[in-house]
Amino acid sequence: MKKAIFKTLAKINKAVLPSFTKKRLDLASASKFQMAIFGYKLWVTKNALD
């Protein structure tokens, strides 16, 4: 159940949120907002794969 929710959330994130890896964003110079989005997407992906 939990895994299915995170997989659905990951698909929504992919469609809605920006991809920083495609934009070649340097994480050292990223803003706090960009880092928050990056961390959120990482957390969702980690939980979807477990």
PDB file of N, CA and C in Angstrom:
ATOM      1  N   MET A   1       0.835  -1.201   0.000  1.00  0.00           N
ATOM      2  CA  MET A   1       0.000   0.000   0.000  1.00  0.00           C
ATOM      3  C   MET A   1       0.872   1.253   0.000  1.00  0.00           C
ATOM      4  N   LYS A   2       1.830   1.309   0.930  1.00  0.00           N
ATOM      5  CA  LYS A   2       2.702   2.483   1.045  1.00  0.00           C
ATOM      6  C   LYS A   2       3.533   2.661  -0.229  1.00  0.00           C
ATOM      7  N   LYS A   3       4.031   1.551  -0.771  1.00  0.00           N
ATOM      8  CA  LYS A   3       4.870   1.619  -1.966  1.00  0.00           C
ATOM      9  C   LYS A   3       4.076   2.127  -3.161  1.00  0.00           C
ATOM     10  N   ALA A   4       2.838   1.727  -3.280  1.00  0.00           N
ATOM     11  CA  ALA A   4       1.990   2.167  -4.391  1.00  0.00           C
ATOM     12  C   ALA A   4       1.719   3.669  -4.319  1.00  0.00           C
ATOM     13  N   ILE A   5       1.544   4.172  -3.128  1.00  0.00           N
ATOM     14  CA  ILE A   5       1.318   5.614  -2.947  1.00  0.00           C
ATOM     15  C   ILE A   5       2.551   6.393  -3.387  1.00  0.00           C
ATOM     16  N   PHE A   6       3.724   5.926  -2.983  1.00  0.00           N
ATOM     17  CA  PHE A   6       4.954   6.629  -3.350  1.00  0.00           C
ATOM     18  C   PHE A   6       5.240   6.522  -4.847  1.00  0.00           C
ATOM     19  N   LYS A   7       4.901   5.401  -5.474  1.00  0.00           N
ATOM     20  CA  LYS A   7       5.088   5.283  -6.919  1.00  0.00           C
ATOM     21  C   LYS A   7       4.185   6.263  -7.666  1.00  0.00           C
ATOM     22  N   THR A   8       2.958   6.399  -7.210  1.00  0.00           N
ATOM     23  CA  THR A   8       2.039   7.363  -7.818  1.00  0.00           C
ATOM     24  C   THR A   8       2.536   8.791  -7.596  1.00  0.00           C
ATOM     25  N   LEU A   9       3.003   9.074  -6.398  1.00  0.00           N
ATOM     26  CA  LEU A   9       3.542  10.389  -6.085  1.00  0.00           C
ATOM     27  C   LEU A   9       4.781  10.695  -6.931  1.00  0.00           C
ATOM     28  N   ALA A  10       5.608   9.696  -7.185  1.00  0.00           N
ATOM     29  CA  ALA A  10       6.800   9.885  -8.016  1.00  0.00           C
ATOM     30  C   ALA A  10       6.415  10.233  -9.454  1.00  0.00           C
ATOM     31  N   LYS A  11       5.375   9.615  -9.965  1.00  0.00           N
ATOM     32  CA  LYS A  11       4.916   9.929 -11.326  1.00  0.00           C
ATOM     33  C   LYS A  11       4.378  11.354 -11.408  1.00  0.00           C
ATOM     34  N   ILE A  12       3.657  11.772 -10.382  1.00  0.00           N
ATOM     35  CA  ILE A  12       3.137  13.145 -10.346  1.00  0.00           C
ATOM     36  C   ILE A  12       4.293  14.138 -10.264  1.00  0.00           C
ATOM     37  N   ASN A  13       5.284  13.835  -9.422  1.00  0.00           N
ATOM     38  CA  ASN A  13       6.446  14.715  -9.284  1.00  0.00           C
ATOM     39  C   ASN A  13       7.185  14.860 -10.604  1.00  0.00           C
ATOM     40  N   LYS A  14       7.319  13.763 -11.322  1.00  0.00           N
ATOM     41  CA  LYS A  14       8.035  13.795 -12.598  1.00  0.00           C
ATOM     42  C   LYS A  14       7.326  14.700 -13.601  1.00  0.00           C
ATOM     43  N   ALA A  15       6.025  14.713 -13.558  1.00  0.00           N
ATOM     44  CA  ALA A  15       5.255  15.525 -14.500  1.00  0.00           C
ATOM     45  C   ALA A  15       5.196  16.995 -14.093  1.00  0.00           C
ATOM     46  N   VAL A  16       5.206  17.276 -12.796  1.00  0.00           N
ATOM     47  CA  VAL A  16       4.956  18.634 -12.319  1.00  0.00           C
ATOM     48  C   VAL A  16       6.233  19.389 -11.938  1.00  0.00           C
ATOM     49  N   LEU A  17       7.109  18.749 -11.185  1.00  0.00           N
ATOM     50  CA  LEU A  17       8.287  19.441 -10.660  1.00  0.00           C
ATOM     51  C   LEU A  17       9.427  19.465 -11.678  1.00  0.00           C
ATOM     52  N   PRO A  18      10.283  20.488 -11.616  1.00  0.00           N
ATOM     53  CA  PRO A  18      11.380  20.591 -12.581  1.00  0.00           C
ATOM     54  C   PRO A  18      12.459  19.542 -12.324  1.00  0.00           C
ATOM     55  N   SER A  19      13.164  19.174 -13.390  1.00  0.00           N
ATOM     56  CA  SER A  19      14.278  18.239 -13.278  1.00  0.00           C
ATOM     57  C   SER A  19      15.573  19.040 -13.227  1.00  0.00           C
ATOM     58  N   PHE A  20      16.231  19.014 -12.095  1.00  0.00           N
ATOM     59  CA  PHE A  20      17.459  19.777 -11.935  1.00  0.00           C
ATOM     60  C   PHE A  20      18.646  19.090 -12.581  1.00  0.00           C
ATOM     61  N   THR A  21      18.586  17.775 -12.751  1.00  0.00           N
ATOM     62  CA  THR A  21      19.700  17.087 -13.394  1.00  0.00           C
ATOM     63  C   THR A  21      19.738  17.388 -14.889  1.00  0.00           C
ATOM     64  N   LYS A  22      18.589  17.550 -15.501  1.00  0.00           N
ATOM     65  CA  LYS A  22      18.555  17.906 -16.924  1.00  0.00           C
ATOM     66  C   LYS A  22      19.015  19.339 -17.136  1.00  0.00           C
ATOM     67  N   LYS A  23      18.790  20.197 -16.143  1.00  0.00           N
ATOM     68  CA  LYS A  23      19.220  21.595 -16.231  1.00  0.00           C
ATOM     69  C   LYS A  23      20.674  21.760 -15.807  1.00  0.00           C
ATOM     70  N   ARG A  24      21.313  20.666 -15.358  1.00  0.00           N
ATOM     71  CA  ARG A  24      22.704  20.670 -14.916  1.00  0.00           C
ATOM     72  C   ARG A  24      22.927  21.666 -13.780  1.00  0.00           C
ATOM     73  N   LEU A  25      22.023  21.659 -12.810  1.00  0.00           N
ATOM     74  CA  LEU A  25      22.100  22.548 -11.667  1.00  0.00           C
ATOM     75  C   LEU A  25      23.239  22.122 -10.744  1.00  0.00           C
ATOM     76  N   ASP A  26      24.070  23.070 -10.364  1.00  0.00           N
ATOM     77  CA  ASP A  26      25.134  22.808  -9.403  1.00  0.00           C
ATOM     78  C   ASP A  26      24.527  22.901  -8.007  1.00  0.00           C
ATOM     79  N   LEU A  27      24.569  21.799  -7.268  1.00  0.00           N
ATOM     80  CA  LEU A  27      23.931  21.774  -5.953  1.00  0.00           C
ATOM     81  C   LEU A  27      24.626  22.694  -4.949  1.00  0.00           C
ATOM     82  N   ALA A  28      25.879  23.002  -5.189  1.00  0.00           N
ATOM     83  CA  ALA A  28      26.594  23.909  -4.286  1.00  0.00           C
ATOM     84  C   ALA A  28      26.059  25.339  -4.381  1.00  0.00           C
ATOM     85  N   SER A  29      25.534  25.695  -5.554  1.00  0.00           N
ATOM     86  CA  SER A  29      25.029  27.064  -5.730  1.00  0.00           C
ATOM     87  C   SER A  29      23.499  27.116  -5.796  1.00  0.00           C
ATOM     88  N   ALA A  30      22.838  26.027  -5.447  1.00  0.00           N
ATOM     89  CA  ALA A  30      21.375  25.984  -5.498  1.00  0.00           C
ATOM     90  C   ALA A  30      20.766  26.763  -4.335  1.00  0.00           C
ATOM     91  N   SER A  31      19.589  27.325  -4.587  1.00  0.00           N
ATOM     92  CA  SER A  31      18.892  28.048  -3.518  1.00  0.00           C
ATOM     93  C   SER A  31      18.263  27.053  -2.541  1.00  0.00           C
ATOM     94  N   LYS A  32      17.801  27.563  -1.422  1.00  0.00           N
ATOM     95  CA  LYS A  32      17.176  26.691  -0.420  1.00  0.00           C
ATOM     96  C   LYS A  32      15.899  26.057  -0.959  1.00  0.00           C
ATOM     97  N   PHE A  33      15.168  26.792  -1.773  1.00  0.00           N
ATOM     98  CA  PHE A  33      13.949  26.259  -2.368  1.00  0.00           C
ATOM     99  C   PHE A  33      14.273  25.115  -3.335  1.00  0.00           C
ATOM    100  N   GLN A  34      15.300  25.287  -4.147  1.00  0.00           N
ATOM    101  CA  GLN A  34      15.706  24.239  -5.073  1.00  0.00           C
ATOM    102  C   GLN A  34      16.202  23.012  -4.315  1.00  0.00           C
ATOM    103  N   MET A  35      16.931  23.225  -3.232  1.00  0.00           N
ATOM    104  CA  MET A  35      17.411  22.105  -2.423  1.00  0.00           C
ATOM    105  C   MET A  35      16.249  21.380  -1.750  1.00  0.00           C
ATOM    106  N   ALA A  36      15.223  22.113  -1.345  1.00  0.00           N
ATOM    107  CA  ALA A  36      14.048  21.492  -0.731  1.00  0.00           C
ATOM    108  C   ALA A  36      13.318  20.612  -1.738  1.00  0.00           C
ATOM    109  N   ILE A  37      13.165  21.098  -2.962  1.00  0.00           N
ATOM    110  CA  ILE A  37      12.522  20.291  -4.014  1.00  0.00           C
ATOM    111  C   ILE A  37      13.364  19.062  -4.315  1.00  0.00           C
ATOM    112  N   PHE A  38      14.667  19.242  -4.416  1.00  0.00           N
ATOM    113  CA  PHE A  38      15.567  18.119  -4.697  1.00  0.00           C
ATOM    114  C   PHE A  38      15.481  17.061  -3.599  1.00  0.00           C
ATOM    115  N   GLY A  39      15.505  17.503  -2.346  1.00  0.00           N
ATOM    116  CA  GLY A  39      15.411  16.574  -1.221  1.00  0.00           C
ATOM    117  C   GLY A  39      14.077  15.848  -1.173  1.00  0.00           C
ATOM    118  N   TYR A  40      13.002  16.570  -1.470  1.00  0.00           N
ATOM    119  CA  TYR A  40      11.669  15.958  -1.485  1.00  0.00           C
ATOM    120  C   TYR A  40      11.580  14.884  -2.571  1.00  0.00           C
ATOM    121  N   LYS A  41      12.084  15.198  -3.765  1.00  0.00           N
ATOM    122  CA  LYS A  41      12.042  14.229  -4.861  1.00  0.00           C
ATOM    123  C   LYS A  41      12.907  13.013  -4.540  1.00  0.00           C
ATOM    124  N   LEU A  42      14.033  13.245  -3.896  1.00  0.00           N
ATOM    125  CA  LEU A  42      14.916  12.142  -3.495  1.00  0.00           C
ATOM    126  C   LEU A  42      14.227  11.249  -2.470  1.00  0.00           C
ATOM    127  N   TRP A  43      13.545  11.848  -1.501  1.00  0.00           N
ATOM    128  CA  TRP A  43      12.839  11.094  -0.469  1.00  0.00           C
ATOM    129  C   TRP A  43      11.717  10.246  -1.075  1.00  0.00           C
ATOM    130  N   VAL A  44      10.960  10.828  -2.002  1.00  0.00           N
ATOM    131  CA  VAL A  44       9.860  10.100  -2.636  1.00  0.00           C
ATOM    132  C   VAL A  44      10.413   8.948  -3.469  1.00  0.00           C
ATOM    133  N   THR A  45      11.480   9.182  -4.214  1.00  0.00           N
ATOM    134  CA  THR A  45      12.067   8.139  -5.043  1.00  0.00           C
ATOM    135  C   THR A  45      12.606   7.004  -4.191  1.00  0.00           C
ATOM    136  N   LYS A  46      13.272   7.340  -3.089  1.00  0.00           N
ATOM    137  CA  LYS A  46      13.817   6.313  -2.190  1.00  0.00           C
ATOM    138  C   LYS A  46      12.704   5.436  -1.642  1.00  0.00           C
ATOM    139  N   ASN A  47      11.608   6.041  -1.228  1.00  0.00           N
ATOM    140  CA  ASN A  47      10.497   5.264  -0.673  1.00  0.00           C
ATOM    141  C   ASN A  47       9.762   4.476  -1.740  1.00  0.00           C
ATOM    142  N   ALA A  48       9.745   4.955  -2.976  1.00  0.00           N
ATOM    143  CA  ALA A  48       9.074   4.233  -4.064  1.00  0.00           C
ATOM    144  C   ALA A  48       9.864   2.984  -4.445  1.00  0.00           C
ATOM    145  N   LEU A  49      11.192   3.025  -4.276  1.00  0.00           N
ATOM    146  CA  LEU A  49      12.033   1.899  -4.660  1.00  0.00           C
ATOM    147  C   LEU A  49      12.174   0.849  -3.580  1.00  0.00           C
ATOM    148  N   ASP A  50      11.959   1.205  -2.330  1.00  0.00           N
ATOM    149  CA  ASP A  50      12.113   0.231  -1.229  1.00  0.00           C
ATOM    150  C   ASP A  50      11.155  -0.907  -1.307  1.00  0.00           C
TER     151      ASP A  50
END
